[in-house]
């Protein structure tokens, strides 16, 4: 049985990750110029280093693909949080089901942001994204690293144990 500190930490972490993911979706789903720059930069790098067809696919569909997976992760994170709140308020007895969802959504969130951090570090995108004379100061990279780390913490806090 997880402690109240573990439960509250899981709730806070999941809400933070879901917020970051959900607030980025309008950019990804509307083909915002900043999103076009990011995914075309990575797509060009993929075309030159891996495969031109993969690079072209990523340039044109990467934002929607990544955004869709972030949406799935957000729904799972919010569902687990909702289950925990209902369980804590004694409205329902979902047992530790929310822990399993936290575990897998934490891993999924980390996997998504591992990809983001990789592309920031190893492609021309860079840590500080510069587009149309604007420099993000590394905010996208640091958000990705924070979610990569916090997703792993969430998974660790809710990992399956032999007593479950």
N, C-alpha and C. Protein backbone atom coordinates (compact mmCIF):
# COMPACT_ATOMS: atom_id res chain seq x y z
N UNK A 1 0.85 -1.18 0.00
CA UNK A 1 0.00 0.00 0.00
C UNK A 1 0.90 1.24 0.00
N UNK A 2 0.74 2.10 -0.99
CA UNK A 2 1.60 3.28 -1.05
C UNK A 2 1.24 4.30 0.03
N UNK A 3 2.24 5.04 0.47
CA UNK A 3 2.02 6.06 1.49
C UNK A 3 1.29 7.25 0.88
N UNK A 4 0.77 8.09 1.75
CA UNK A 4 0.07 9.29 1.28
C UNK A 4 1.04 10.22 0.54
N UNK A 5 2.29 10.24 0.94
CA UNK A 5 3.29 11.07 0.26
C UNK A 5 3.50 10.57 -1.17
N UNK A 6 3.59 9.25 -1.34
CA UNK A 6 3.72 8.66 -2.67
C UNK A 6 2.51 8.99 -3.52
N UNK A 7 1.33 8.90 -2.93
CA UNK A 7 0.10 9.17 -3.67
C UNK A 7 0.04 10.64 -4.11
N UNK A 8 0.35 11.54 -3.20
CA UNK A 8 0.29 12.97 -3.52
C UNK A 8 1.37 13.33 -4.53
N UNK A 9 2.58 12.78 -4.36
CA UNK A 9 3.66 13.03 -5.33
C UNK A 9 3.24 12.52 -6.71
N UNK A 10 2.63 11.36 -6.77
CA UNK A 10 2.17 10.80 -8.05
C UNK A 10 1.12 11.71 -8.69
N UNK A 11 0.22 12.21 -7.88
CA UNK A 11 -0.82 13.11 -8.39
C UNK A 11 -0.20 14.39 -8.96
N UNK A 12 0.71 15.00 -8.22
CA UNK A 12 1.34 16.24 -8.67
C UNK A 12 2.16 16.01 -9.94
N UNK A 13 2.94 14.95 -9.96
CA UNK A 13 3.75 14.64 -11.14
C UNK A 13 2.85 14.40 -12.36
N UNK A 14 1.80 13.62 -12.18
CA UNK A 14 0.94 13.31 -13.32
C UNK A 14 0.24 14.56 -13.84
N UNK A 15 -0.19 15.45 -12.95
CA UNK A 15 -0.84 16.68 -13.39
C UNK A 15 0.13 17.59 -14.12
N UNK A 16 1.38 17.65 -13.67
CA UNK A 16 2.39 18.47 -14.35
C UNK A 16 2.66 17.94 -15.76
N UNK A 17 2.87 16.65 -15.87
CA UNK A 17 3.16 16.06 -17.18
C UNK A 17 1.98 16.26 -18.13
N UNK A 18 0.78 15.98 -17.64
CA UNK A 18 -0.41 16.14 -18.49
C UNK A 18 -0.57 17.60 -18.92
N UNK A 19 -0.30 18.54 -18.04
CA UNK A 19 -0.39 19.96 -18.38
C UNK A 19 0.56 20.31 -19.51
N UNK A 20 1.80 19.90 -19.38
CA UNK A 20 2.80 20.21 -20.42
C UNK A 20 2.39 19.58 -21.75
N UNK A 21 2.00 18.32 -21.72
CA UNK A 21 1.59 17.64 -22.95
C UNK A 21 0.36 18.31 -23.58
N UNK A 22 -0.66 18.53 -22.77
CA UNK A 22 -1.91 19.07 -23.30
C UNK A 22 -1.75 20.50 -23.82
N UNK A 23 -0.92 21.30 -23.16
CA UNK A 23 -0.71 22.68 -23.61
C UNK A 23 0.09 22.73 -24.91
N UNK A 24 0.81 21.67 -25.23
CA UNK A 24 1.58 21.66 -26.49
C UNK A 24 0.76 21.16 -27.67
N UNK A 25 -0.37 20.52 -27.41
CA UNK A 25 -1.16 19.93 -28.49
C UNK A 25 -1.66 20.92 -29.53
N UNK A 26 -2.13 22.11 -29.14
CA UNK A 26 -2.56 23.05 -30.20
C UNK A 26 -1.45 23.38 -31.19
N UNK A 27 -0.22 23.43 -30.72
CA UNK A 27 0.90 23.68 -31.62
C UNK A 27 1.12 22.51 -32.57
N UNK A 28 1.04 21.30 -32.04
CA UNK A 28 1.30 20.12 -32.85
C UNK A 28 0.16 19.83 -33.82
N UNK A 29 -1.07 20.03 -33.39
CA UNK A 29 -2.21 19.67 -34.23
C UNK A 29 -2.63 20.75 -35.22
N UNK A 30 -2.08 21.96 -35.09
CA UNK A 30 -2.44 23.03 -36.02
C UNK A 30 -1.30 23.40 -36.96
N UNK A 31 -0.21 22.63 -36.90
CA UNK A 31 0.94 22.89 -37.77
C UNK A 31 1.49 24.30 -37.57
N UNK A 32 1.61 24.70 -36.32
CA UNK A 32 2.15 26.01 -35.94
C UNK A 32 3.55 26.18 -36.55
N UNK A 33 3.93 27.40 -36.94
CA UNK A 33 5.26 27.62 -37.54
C UNK A 33 6.42 27.12 -36.68
N UNK A 34 6.32 27.27 -35.36
CA UNK A 34 7.40 26.75 -34.49
C UNK A 34 7.47 25.23 -34.57
N UNK A 35 6.31 24.59 -34.61
CA UNK A 35 6.26 23.14 -34.74
C UNK A 35 6.80 22.71 -36.09
N UNK A 36 6.44 23.42 -37.14
CA UNK A 36 6.97 23.11 -38.47
C UNK A 36 8.49 23.19 -38.47
N UNK A 37 9.04 24.21 -37.82
CA UNK A 37 10.50 24.36 -37.75
C UNK A 37 11.14 23.17 -37.03
N UNK A 38 10.58 22.81 -35.89
CA UNK A 38 11.16 21.72 -35.09
C UNK A 38 11.14 20.41 -35.85
N UNK A 39 9.98 20.04 -36.37
CA UNK A 39 9.85 18.74 -37.02
C UNK A 39 10.52 18.70 -38.39
N UNK A 40 10.59 19.83 -39.08
CA UNK A 40 11.31 19.84 -40.36
C UNK A 40 12.81 19.79 -40.14
N UNK A 41 13.30 20.42 -39.07
CA UNK A 41 14.73 20.34 -38.75
C UNK A 41 15.13 18.90 -38.45
N UNK A 42 14.33 18.25 -37.63
CA UNK A 42 14.61 16.84 -37.29
C UNK A 42 14.42 15.96 -38.52
N UNK A 43 13.37 16.21 -39.30
CA UNK A 43 13.12 15.44 -40.51
C UNK A 43 14.26 15.55 -41.51
N UNK A 44 14.80 16.76 -41.67
CA UNK A 44 15.94 16.95 -42.57
C UNK A 44 17.15 16.15 -42.08
N UNK A 45 17.38 16.20 -40.78
CA UNK A 45 18.50 15.43 -40.19
C UNK A 45 18.28 13.94 -40.43
N UNK A 46 17.05 13.45 -40.22
CA UNK A 46 16.76 12.04 -40.47
C UNK A 46 16.98 11.68 -41.93
N UNK A 47 16.57 12.56 -42.83
CA UNK A 47 16.76 12.31 -44.26
C UNK A 47 18.23 12.15 -44.61
N UNK A 48 19.08 12.95 -43.97
CA UNK A 48 20.51 12.93 -44.26
C UNK A 48 21.26 11.81 -43.56
N UNK A 49 20.74 11.33 -42.43
CA UNK A 49 21.49 10.34 -41.64
C UNK A 49 20.88 8.95 -41.62
N UNK A 50 19.57 8.85 -41.78
CA UNK A 50 18.92 7.54 -41.66
C UNK A 50 18.27 7.14 -42.97
N UNK A 51 17.23 7.87 -43.38
CA UNK A 51 16.47 7.51 -44.57
C UNK A 51 15.67 8.73 -45.03
N UNK A 52 15.71 8.99 -46.32
CA UNK A 52 14.97 10.15 -46.82
C UNK A 52 13.46 9.97 -46.65
N UNK A 53 12.97 8.75 -46.82
CA UNK A 53 11.53 8.54 -46.66
C UNK A 53 11.10 8.71 -45.19
N UNK A 54 11.94 8.25 -44.27
CA UNK A 54 11.63 8.43 -42.84
C UNK A 54 11.67 9.92 -42.49
N UNK A 55 12.66 10.62 -43.01
CA UNK A 55 12.76 12.05 -42.75
C UNK A 55 11.57 12.81 -43.29
N UNK A 56 11.14 12.45 -44.48
CA UNK A 56 9.98 13.12 -45.08
C UNK A 56 8.72 12.81 -44.28
N UNK A 57 8.57 11.57 -43.86
CA UNK A 57 7.42 11.19 -43.03
C UNK A 57 7.42 12.00 -41.73
N UNK A 58 8.58 12.09 -41.07
CA UNK A 58 8.66 12.80 -39.80
C UNK A 58 8.38 14.28 -39.98
N UNK A 59 8.86 14.86 -41.07
CA UNK A 59 8.61 16.27 -41.34
C UNK A 59 7.12 16.54 -41.47
N UNK A 60 6.41 15.67 -42.16
CA UNK A 60 5.00 15.91 -42.46
C UNK A 60 4.04 15.35 -41.41
N UNK A 61 4.42 14.29 -40.72
CA UNK A 61 3.48 13.63 -39.81
C UNK A 61 3.97 13.51 -38.38
N UNK A 62 5.22 13.87 -38.13
CA UNK A 62 5.80 13.69 -36.80
C UNK A 62 5.06 14.43 -35.70
N UNK A 63 4.67 15.67 -35.97
CA UNK A 63 4.01 16.47 -34.93
C UNK A 63 2.68 15.83 -34.51
N UNK A 64 1.89 15.39 -35.47
CA UNK A 64 0.60 14.78 -35.15
C UNK A 64 0.81 13.43 -34.47
N UNK A 65 1.79 12.68 -34.92
CA UNK A 65 2.09 11.38 -34.31
C UNK A 65 2.52 11.56 -32.85
N UNK A 66 3.49 12.44 -32.63
CA UNK A 66 3.97 12.68 -31.27
C UNK A 66 2.85 13.27 -30.41
N UNK A 67 2.12 14.22 -30.96
CA UNK A 67 1.00 14.81 -30.23
C UNK A 67 -0.05 13.79 -29.85
N UNK A 68 -0.32 12.85 -30.73
CA UNK A 68 -1.30 11.80 -30.44
C UNK A 68 -0.85 10.91 -29.29
N UNK A 69 0.43 10.57 -29.27
CA UNK A 69 0.95 9.74 -28.17
C UNK A 69 0.95 10.55 -26.87
N UNK A 70 1.27 11.84 -26.95
CA UNK A 70 1.20 12.69 -25.75
C UNK A 70 -0.24 12.80 -25.25
N UNK A 71 -1.20 12.84 -26.14
CA UNK A 71 -2.61 12.88 -25.75
C UNK A 71 -3.00 11.59 -25.03
N UNK A 72 -2.57 10.46 -25.56
CA UNK A 72 -2.84 9.17 -24.92
C UNK A 72 -2.23 9.13 -23.51
N UNK A 73 -0.98 9.57 -23.40
CA UNK A 73 -0.32 9.59 -22.09
C UNK A 73 -1.07 10.50 -21.12
N UNK A 74 -1.52 11.65 -21.61
CA UNK A 74 -2.25 12.59 -20.76
C UNK A 74 -3.56 11.99 -20.26
N UNK A 75 -4.28 11.34 -21.15
CA UNK A 75 -5.55 10.70 -20.76
C UNK A 75 -5.30 9.64 -19.70
N UNK A 76 -4.26 8.84 -19.88
CA UNK A 76 -3.93 7.82 -18.88
C UNK A 76 -3.54 8.45 -17.54
N UNK A 77 -2.72 9.50 -17.58
CA UNK A 77 -2.31 10.17 -16.35
C UNK A 77 -3.50 10.77 -15.61
N UNK A 78 -4.37 11.43 -16.36
CA UNK A 78 -5.54 12.05 -15.73
C UNK A 78 -6.53 11.00 -15.24
N UNK A 79 -6.68 9.90 -15.98
CA UNK A 79 -7.57 8.81 -15.53
C UNK A 79 -7.07 8.21 -14.23
N UNK A 80 -5.78 7.97 -14.13
CA UNK A 80 -5.21 7.42 -12.89
C UNK A 80 -5.41 8.40 -11.74
N UNK A 81 -5.20 9.67 -12.00
CA UNK A 81 -5.39 10.68 -10.95
C UNK A 81 -6.85 10.73 -10.50
N UNK A 82 -7.76 10.67 -11.46
CA UNK A 82 -9.19 10.69 -11.15
C UNK A 82 -9.55 9.45 -10.31
N UNK A 83 -9.03 8.29 -10.69
CA UNK A 83 -9.28 7.07 -9.93
C UNK A 83 -8.77 7.20 -8.50
N UNK A 84 -7.57 7.78 -8.36
CA UNK A 84 -7.00 7.94 -7.02
C UNK A 84 -7.88 8.85 -6.17
N UNK A 85 -8.33 9.97 -6.75
CA UNK A 85 -9.19 10.90 -6.02
C UNK A 85 -10.49 10.20 -5.60
N UNK A 86 -11.12 9.48 -6.51
CA UNK A 86 -12.35 8.75 -6.18
C UNK A 86 -12.10 7.71 -5.09
N UNK A 87 -10.98 7.02 -5.21
CA UNK A 87 -10.62 5.99 -4.23
C UNK A 87 -10.36 6.64 -2.86
N UNK A 88 -9.65 7.75 -2.85
CA UNK A 88 -9.33 8.43 -1.58
C UNK A 88 -10.57 9.00 -0.92
N UNK A 89 -11.54 9.44 -1.74
CA UNK A 89 -12.78 9.99 -1.20
C UNK A 89 -13.77 8.87 -0.85
N UNK A 90 -13.35 7.64 -0.99
CA UNK A 90 -14.17 6.46 -0.69
C UNK A 90 -15.43 6.39 -1.56
N UNK A 91 -15.36 6.99 -2.74
CA UNK A 91 -16.49 6.93 -3.68
C UNK A 91 -16.46 5.62 -4.44
N UNK A 92 -15.28 5.13 -4.69
CA UNK A 92 -15.11 3.85 -5.37
C UNK A 92 -13.92 3.12 -4.77
N UNK A 93 -13.86 1.83 -5.03
CA UNK A 93 -12.73 1.04 -4.56
C UNK A 93 -12.05 0.42 -5.77
N UNK A 94 -11.22 1.23 -6.43
CA UNK A 94 -10.53 0.74 -7.62
C UNK A 94 -9.22 0.06 -7.26
N UNK A 95 -9.07 -0.24 -5.98
CA UNK A 95 -7.87 -0.90 -5.48
C UNK A 95 -6.62 -0.17 -5.94
N UNK A 96 -5.65 -0.90 -6.46
CA UNK A 96 -4.40 -0.27 -6.89
C UNK A 96 -4.33 -0.13 -8.40
N UNK A 97 -5.46 -0.19 -9.06
CA UNK A 97 -5.49 -0.07 -10.52
C UNK A 97 -4.84 1.23 -10.98
N UNK A 98 -5.08 2.31 -10.23
CA UNK A 98 -4.49 3.59 -10.61
C UNK A 98 -2.97 3.54 -10.56
N UNK A 99 -2.41 2.73 -9.66
CA UNK A 99 -0.95 2.61 -9.59
C UNK A 99 -0.40 1.98 -10.87
N UNK A 100 -1.06 0.99 -11.38
CA UNK A 100 -0.62 0.34 -12.62
C UNK A 100 -0.66 1.35 -13.78
N UNK A 101 -1.72 2.14 -13.83
CA UNK A 101 -1.84 3.14 -14.89
C UNK A 101 -0.76 4.21 -14.73
N UNK A 102 -0.53 4.66 -13.48
CA UNK A 102 0.56 5.61 -13.23
C UNK A 102 1.90 5.03 -13.70
N UNK A 103 2.13 3.77 -13.39
CA UNK A 103 3.39 3.12 -13.75
C UNK A 103 3.61 3.16 -15.26
N UNK A 104 2.63 2.68 -16.02
CA UNK A 104 2.79 2.61 -17.47
C UNK A 104 2.76 4.00 -18.13
N UNK A 105 1.94 4.91 -17.62
CA UNK A 105 1.91 6.25 -18.21
C UNK A 105 3.19 7.02 -17.87
N UNK A 106 3.79 6.74 -16.73
CA UNK A 106 5.09 7.34 -16.40
C UNK A 106 6.16 6.86 -17.36
N UNK A 107 6.16 5.56 -17.65
CA UNK A 107 7.13 5.02 -18.61
C UNK A 107 6.89 5.57 -20.02
N UNK A 108 5.62 5.67 -20.42
CA UNK A 108 5.29 6.20 -21.73
C UNK A 108 5.73 7.66 -21.85
N UNK A 109 5.46 8.45 -20.83
CA UNK A 109 5.86 9.86 -20.83
C UNK A 109 7.37 10.00 -20.93
N UNK A 110 8.08 9.18 -20.19
CA UNK A 110 9.55 9.21 -20.24
C UNK A 110 10.06 8.81 -21.61
N UNK A 111 9.45 7.82 -22.22
CA UNK A 111 9.89 7.38 -23.54
C UNK A 111 9.70 8.48 -24.57
N UNK A 112 8.57 9.17 -24.52
CA UNK A 112 8.32 10.27 -25.44
C UNK A 112 9.39 11.35 -25.27
N UNK A 113 9.66 11.69 -24.04
CA UNK A 113 10.60 12.78 -23.77
C UNK A 113 12.06 12.35 -23.92
N UNK A 114 12.32 11.05 -23.85
CA UNK A 114 13.66 10.58 -24.19
C UNK A 114 13.93 10.91 -25.65
N UNK A 115 12.93 10.66 -26.50
CA UNK A 115 13.06 11.00 -27.92
C UNK A 115 13.28 12.48 -28.11
N UNK A 116 12.51 13.29 -27.41
CA UNK A 116 12.65 14.75 -27.54
C UNK A 116 14.06 15.19 -27.10
N UNK A 117 14.51 14.71 -25.96
CA UNK A 117 15.84 15.08 -25.46
C UNK A 117 16.92 14.62 -26.45
N UNK A 118 16.77 13.42 -26.98
CA UNK A 118 17.73 12.91 -27.97
C UNK A 118 17.83 13.87 -29.16
N UNK A 119 16.68 14.26 -29.71
CA UNK A 119 16.69 15.12 -30.88
C UNK A 119 17.25 16.51 -30.58
N UNK A 120 17.03 17.00 -29.36
CA UNK A 120 17.63 18.28 -28.98
C UNK A 120 19.15 18.17 -28.90
N UNK A 121 19.63 17.05 -28.39
CA UNK A 121 21.07 16.90 -28.15
C UNK A 121 21.86 16.47 -29.38
N UNK A 122 21.26 15.66 -30.26
CA UNK A 122 22.05 15.03 -31.31
C UNK A 122 21.66 15.43 -32.73
N UNK A 123 20.82 16.43 -32.86
CA UNK A 123 20.46 16.92 -34.20
C UNK A 123 20.73 18.43 -34.25
N UNK A 124 20.63 19.02 -35.42
CA UNK A 124 20.83 20.47 -35.52
C UNK A 124 19.79 21.29 -34.75
N UNK A 125 18.74 20.67 -34.23
CA UNK A 125 17.74 21.41 -33.47
C UNK A 125 18.38 22.14 -32.30
N UNK A 126 19.25 21.44 -31.57
CA UNK A 126 19.97 22.04 -30.45
C UNK A 126 19.15 22.17 -29.18
N UNK A 127 19.85 22.50 -28.11
CA UNK A 127 19.19 22.67 -26.82
C UNK A 127 18.32 23.93 -26.84
N UNK A 128 18.85 25.00 -27.39
CA UNK A 128 18.08 26.23 -27.53
C UNK A 128 17.54 26.30 -28.96
N UNK A 129 16.23 26.24 -29.07
CA UNK A 129 15.60 26.28 -30.39
C UNK A 129 15.51 27.74 -30.83
N UNK A 130 16.11 28.02 -31.98
CA UNK A 130 16.09 29.38 -32.53
C UNK A 130 15.30 29.34 -33.82
N UNK A 131 14.24 30.15 -33.85
CA UNK A 131 13.37 30.19 -35.03
C UNK A 131 12.86 31.62 -35.22
N UNK A 132 13.03 32.12 -36.42
CA UNK A 132 12.61 33.48 -36.77
C UNK A 132 13.15 34.50 -35.78
N UNK A 133 14.41 34.36 -35.42
CA UNK A 133 15.07 35.30 -34.53
C UNK A 133 14.71 35.16 -33.06
N UNK A 134 13.84 34.22 -32.73
CA UNK A 134 13.46 33.99 -31.33
C UNK A 134 14.22 32.78 -30.80
N UNK A 135 14.72 32.92 -29.58
CA UNK A 135 15.44 31.85 -28.91
C UNK A 135 14.60 31.42 -27.71
N UNK A 136 14.29 30.13 -27.62
CA UNK A 136 13.46 29.66 -26.50
C UNK A 136 14.25 29.51 -25.21
N UNK A 137 15.56 29.77 -25.24
CA UNK A 137 16.37 29.68 -24.04
C UNK A 137 16.49 28.26 -23.50
N UNK A 138 16.15 27.29 -24.30
CA UNK A 138 16.24 25.90 -23.87
C UNK A 138 14.99 25.40 -23.15
N UNK A 139 13.91 26.20 -23.14
CA UNK A 139 12.73 25.81 -22.36
C UNK A 139 12.12 24.49 -22.82
N UNK A 140 12.09 24.24 -24.12
CA UNK A 140 11.55 22.96 -24.60
C UNK A 140 12.43 21.80 -24.15
N UNK A 141 13.73 21.97 -24.25
CA UNK A 141 14.66 20.91 -23.83
C UNK A 141 14.52 20.63 -22.33
N UNK A 142 14.49 21.69 -21.52
CA UNK A 142 14.41 21.51 -20.07
C UNK A 142 13.07 20.90 -19.66
N UNK A 143 12.00 21.27 -20.35
CA UNK A 143 10.69 20.64 -20.07
C UNK A 143 10.76 19.15 -20.41
N UNK A 144 11.39 18.82 -21.54
CA UNK A 144 11.52 17.41 -21.93
C UNK A 144 12.31 16.63 -20.90
N UNK A 145 13.43 17.19 -20.44
CA UNK A 145 14.26 16.50 -19.45
C UNK A 145 13.50 16.36 -18.13
N UNK A 146 12.76 17.40 -17.73
CA UNK A 146 12.00 17.30 -16.47
C UNK A 146 10.96 16.20 -16.56
N UNK A 147 10.28 16.09 -17.70
CA UNK A 147 9.26 15.05 -17.85
C UNK A 147 9.91 13.67 -17.96
N UNK A 148 11.04 13.57 -18.65
CA UNK A 148 11.76 12.30 -18.73
C UNK A 148 12.06 11.82 -17.31
N UNK A 149 12.61 12.70 -16.49
CA UNK A 149 12.97 12.35 -15.12
C UNK A 149 11.72 12.07 -14.27
N UNK A 150 10.74 12.97 -14.32
CA UNK A 150 9.55 12.81 -13.48
C UNK A 150 8.72 11.60 -13.89
N UNK A 151 8.70 11.27 -15.18
CA UNK A 151 8.00 10.06 -15.62
C UNK A 151 8.63 8.82 -15.02
N UNK A 152 9.97 8.81 -14.96
CA UNK A 152 10.66 7.68 -14.32
C UNK A 152 10.37 7.63 -12.83
N UNK A 153 10.33 8.79 -12.18
CA UNK A 153 9.98 8.84 -10.76
C UNK A 153 8.57 8.30 -10.55
N UNK A 154 7.63 8.73 -11.39
CA UNK A 154 6.25 8.26 -11.29
C UNK A 154 6.18 6.74 -11.44
N UNK A 155 6.90 6.22 -12.43
CA UNK A 155 6.91 4.77 -12.63
C UNK A 155 7.53 4.06 -11.43
N UNK A 156 8.63 4.61 -10.90
CA UNK A 156 9.29 3.99 -9.75
C UNK A 156 8.37 3.99 -8.52
N UNK A 157 7.71 5.11 -8.27
CA UNK A 157 6.82 5.20 -7.11
C UNK A 157 5.66 4.22 -7.19
N UNK A 158 5.26 3.88 -8.40
CA UNK A 158 4.08 3.03 -8.61
C UNK A 158 4.42 1.68 -9.21
N UNK A 159 5.67 1.30 -9.10
CA UNK A 159 6.11 0.02 -9.68
C UNK A 159 5.40 -1.14 -9.02
N UNK A 160 5.18 -2.18 -9.79
CA UNK A 160 4.54 -3.38 -9.22
C UNK A 160 5.43 -3.99 -8.13
N UNK A 161 4.80 -4.42 -7.08
CA UNK A 161 5.54 -5.09 -6.00
C UNK A 161 4.94 -6.49 -5.82
N UNK A 162 5.66 -7.31 -5.12
CA UNK A 162 5.19 -8.68 -4.92
C UNK A 162 3.95 -8.76 -4.04
N UNK A 163 3.69 -7.73 -3.25
CA UNK A 163 2.54 -7.76 -2.34
C UNK A 163 1.26 -7.31 -3.02
N UNK A 164 1.34 -6.83 -4.27
CA UNK A 164 0.13 -6.37 -4.95
C UNK A 164 -0.63 -7.52 -5.54
